[in-house]
């Protein structure tokens, strides 16, 4: 079985910005498991454990939807936390830009994957990049202050030209993501 998810990857040019944001938040000394910058992505659908056959079914279902969607532009903007900045469990960097085509793409993919037997997400799609997961309440107040005091930021726009079906291999050192299928837009 393969642990899989579908995501948008980020251009390498955005990594320095993400590194600066994460470094600023690390100063809070909260117990947060920070995501390595090279692993940061925008998840469109998490599948969990799937078979090789299901990998092919997922790719086959995604291709026509991706082909019908022209490339679009996004940018990174701001940071926050789920479920709220006052009670952070997941620390995120926001996504702005052409959100309508992104949301439409995600909703069409969600419907196609539901037809394959993958349940829809319970929550509405909220485009974001997870950069950290809070491990305990230790230092949480400092993290809340750091998030509130983080200066506004925005990246240069980048073009989304593909979606990627990834394999996630978990280990004590953290997750490693390996592309299984790259599916072009347009």
Protein backbone atom coordinates (compact mmCIF):
# COMPACT_ATOMS: atom_id res chain seq x y z
CA UNK A 1 0.00 0.00 0.00
CA UNK A 2 1.08 3.56 -0.77
CA UNK A 3 0.30 6.62 1.37
CA UNK A 4 -0.67 9.21 -1.28
CA UNK A 5 -1.82 12.78 -1.75
CA UNK A 6 -2.36 15.17 -4.66
CA UNK A 7 -0.75 18.62 -4.40
CA UNK A 8 0.68 21.70 -6.05
CA UNK A 9 4.42 22.04 -5.62
CA UNK A 10 6.08 25.41 -5.10
CA UNK A 11 8.84 26.96 -7.19
CA UNK A 12 12.24 26.82 -5.52
CA UNK A 13 12.40 30.64 -5.67
CA UNK A 14 9.80 30.77 -2.86
CA UNK A 15 11.89 28.72 -0.43
CA UNK A 16 13.92 31.67 0.98
CA UNK A 17 10.68 33.49 1.88
CA UNK A 18 9.28 30.38 3.58
CA UNK A 19 12.58 29.87 5.42
CA UNK A 20 12.43 33.46 6.73
CA UNK A 21 8.82 33.08 7.90
CA UNK A 22 9.50 29.76 9.63
CA UNK A 23 12.72 31.13 11.21
CA UNK A 24 10.76 34.10 12.61
CA UNK A 25 8.11 31.78 14.07
CA UNK A 26 10.73 29.44 15.54
CA UNK A 27 11.90 32.34 17.73
CA UNK A 28 8.75 31.83 19.80
CA UNK A 29 10.14 28.60 21.33
CA UNK A 30 6.79 26.86 21.02
CA UNK A 31 6.69 23.07 20.70
CA UNK A 32 6.00 22.92 17.00
CA UNK A 33 7.07 20.27 14.49
CA UNK A 34 8.17 22.49 11.60
CA UNK A 35 7.79 21.18 8.06
CA UNK A 36 11.09 21.17 6.12
CA UNK A 37 10.81 23.91 3.48
CA UNK A 38 11.40 21.37 0.69
CA UNK A 39 8.29 19.46 1.84
CA UNK A 40 5.94 22.45 1.89
CA UNK A 41 3.17 22.09 -0.72
CA UNK A 42 -0.50 22.94 -1.27
CA UNK A 43 -2.55 19.79 -0.72
CA UNK A 44 -5.53 19.29 -3.04
CA UNK A 45 -6.52 15.84 -1.72
CA UNK A 46 -5.11 13.44 0.84
CA UNK A 47 -5.96 9.82 -0.04
CA UNK A 48 -4.31 7.87 2.77
CA UNK A 49 -3.29 4.30 1.95
CA UNK A 50 -3.96 3.30 -1.68
CA UNK A 51 -2.98 0.39 -3.92
CA UNK A 52 -0.94 0.59 -7.15
CA UNK A 53 -4.21 0.09 -9.06
CA UNK A 54 -5.78 3.04 -7.23
CA UNK A 55 -2.75 5.21 -8.08
CA UNK A 56 -3.54 4.64 -11.76
CA UNK A 57 -7.27 5.25 -11.21
CA UNK A 58 -6.54 8.54 -9.41
CA UNK A 59 -4.19 9.72 -12.18
CA UNK A 60 -6.67 8.68 -14.89
CA UNK A 61 -9.49 10.59 -13.14
CA UNK A 62 -7.33 13.71 -12.63
CA UNK A 63 -5.90 14.01 -16.16
CA UNK A 64 -8.99 15.30 -18.05
CA UNK A 65 -9.82 17.74 -15.25
CA UNK A 66 -6.26 19.10 -15.24
CA UNK A 67 -6.19 19.28 -19.06
CA UNK A 68 -9.36 21.39 -19.03
CA UNK A 69 -7.84 23.88 -16.54
CA UNK A 70 -5.45 26.46 -18.03
CA UNK A 71 -2.45 27.40 -15.87
CA UNK A 72 -3.16 30.10 -13.28
CA UNK A 73 -1.15 32.36 -10.97
CA UNK A 74 -0.90 32.25 -7.19
CA UNK A 75 1.25 33.95 -4.56
CA UNK A 76 2.01 33.43 -0.89
CA UNK A 77 0.55 36.01 1.47
CA UNK A 78 0.44 36.14 5.24
CA UNK A 79 0.45 33.47 7.92
CA UNK A 80 -2.02 32.16 10.47
CA UNK A 81 -3.20 29.07 12.29
CA UNK A 82 -6.03 26.55 12.37
CA UNK A 83 -8.43 26.30 14.05
CA UNK A 84 -7.70 29.94 14.96
CA UNK A 85 -4.69 32.20 15.60
CA UNK A 86 -5.59 32.25 19.32
CA UNK A 87 -5.66 28.46 19.54
CA UNK A 88 -3.06 27.24 17.02
CA UNK A 89 -2.77 23.57 16.15
CA UNK A 90 -1.61 23.94 12.54
CA UNK A 91 0.55 26.90 11.46
CA UNK A 92 0.10 27.94 7.83
CA UNK A 93 1.22 30.36 5.15
CA UNK A 94 -1.64 31.78 3.11
CA UNK A 95 -2.25 31.59 -0.62
CA UNK A 96 -3.63 34.47 -2.70
CA UNK A 97 -3.96 35.29 -6.39
CA UNK A 98 -6.23 33.47 -8.82
CA UNK A 99 -8.11 31.46 -6.21
CA UNK A 100 -11.24 30.88 -8.33
CA UNK A 101 -9.52 28.49 -10.79
CA UNK A 102 -7.70 26.78 -7.90
CA UNK A 103 -10.95 26.23 -6.00
CA UNK A 104 -12.78 25.06 -9.14
CA UNK A 105 -9.95 22.60 -9.90
CA UNK A 106 -10.00 21.23 -6.35
CA UNK A 107 -13.80 20.85 -6.35
CA UNK A 108 -13.82 19.04 -9.70
CA UNK A 109 -11.05 16.71 -8.51
CA UNK A 110 -12.91 16.10 -5.24
CA UNK A 111 -16.04 15.04 -7.20
CA UNK A 112 -14.01 12.73 -9.48
CA UNK A 113 -12.28 11.10 -6.51
CA UNK A 114 -15.58 10.67 -4.66
CA UNK A 115 -16.77 8.67 -7.68
CA UNK A 116 -13.74 6.41 -7.13
CA UNK A 117 -14.80 5.82 -3.51
CA UNK A 118 -12.69 8.45 -1.71
CA UNK A 119 -14.91 10.40 0.70
CA UNK A 120 -15.17 14.17 0.34
CA UNK A 121 -13.43 16.35 2.90
CA UNK A 122 -15.68 17.43 5.77
CA UNK A 123 -14.34 21.00 5.75
CA UNK A 124 -14.52 23.51 2.91
CA UNK A 125 -11.33 23.87 0.86
CA UNK A 126 -9.07 26.54 2.43
CA UNK A 127 -5.93 26.92 0.29
CA UNK A 128 -2.87 27.08 2.54
CA UNK A 129 0.62 25.70 3.06
CA UNK A 130 1.11 23.85 6.34
CA UNK A 131 4.46 24.94 7.79
CA UNK A 132 4.12 23.57 11.33
CA UNK A 133 2.06 21.37 13.65
CA UNK A 134 1.78 22.32 17.32
CA UNK A 135 2.89 19.38 19.48
CA UNK A 136 1.85 20.68 22.92
CA UNK A 137 0.61 23.77 24.73
CA UNK A 138 4.18 24.63 25.83
CA UNK A 139 5.03 28.04 24.37
CA UNK A 140 1.63 28.39 22.70
CA UNK A 141 1.13 31.94 24.03
CA UNK A 142 4.47 32.94 22.51
CA UNK A 143 3.44 31.42 19.18
CA UNK A 144 0.16 33.36 19.29
CA UNK A 145 2.15 36.58 19.89
CA UNK A 146 4.63 35.73 17.11
CA UNK A 147 1.84 35.08 14.61
CA UNK A 148 0.14 38.34 15.56
CA UNK A 149 3.42 40.27 15.29
CA UNK A 150 4.56 38.77 12.00
CA UNK A 151 4.83 41.60 9.46
CA UNK A 152 2.58 41.23 6.40
CA UNK A 153 4.35 39.62 3.47
CA UNK A 154 3.59 38.62 -0.10
CA UNK A 155 5.59 36.64 -2.63
CA UNK A 156 5.96 37.34 -6.30
CA UNK A 157 3.23 35.55 -8.28
CA UNK A 158 4.06 32.12 -9.66
CA UNK A 159 2.35 30.10 -12.35
CA UNK A 160 0.74 26.76 -11.53
CA UNK A 161 1.26 24.47 -14.52
CA UNK A 162 0.85 21.00 -12.99
CA UNK A 163 -0.51 18.93 -10.16
CA UNK A 164 1.50 16.10 -8.63
CA UNK A 165 0.39 12.81 -7.11
CA UNK A 166 2.88 12.12 -4.31
CA UNK A 167 3.82 9.12 -2.24
CA UNK A 168 4.46 9.99 1.40
CA UNK A 169 6.99 7.73 3.15
CA UNK A 170 6.97 8.20 6.91
CA UNK A 171 10.05 7.61 9.05
CA UNK A 172 11.32 8.72 12.47
CA UNK A 173 13.22 11.50 10.66
CA UNK A 174 10.00 12.79 9.10
CA UNK A 175 8.12 12.38 5.84
CA UNK A 176 9.72 12.02 2.42
CA UNK A 177 7.58 12.89 -0.60
CA UNK A 178 8.18 11.12 -3.90
CA UNK A 179 6.31 12.13 -7.08
CA UNK A 180 4.31 9.24 -8.52
CA UNK A 181 2.58 11.11 -11.38
CA UNK A 182 2.98 14.66 -12.72
CA UNK A 183 -0.17 15.88 -14.48
CA UNK A 184 0.02 19.03 -16.61
CA UNK A 185 -2.67 21.69 -16.67
CA UNK A 186 -4.10 23.05 -19.92
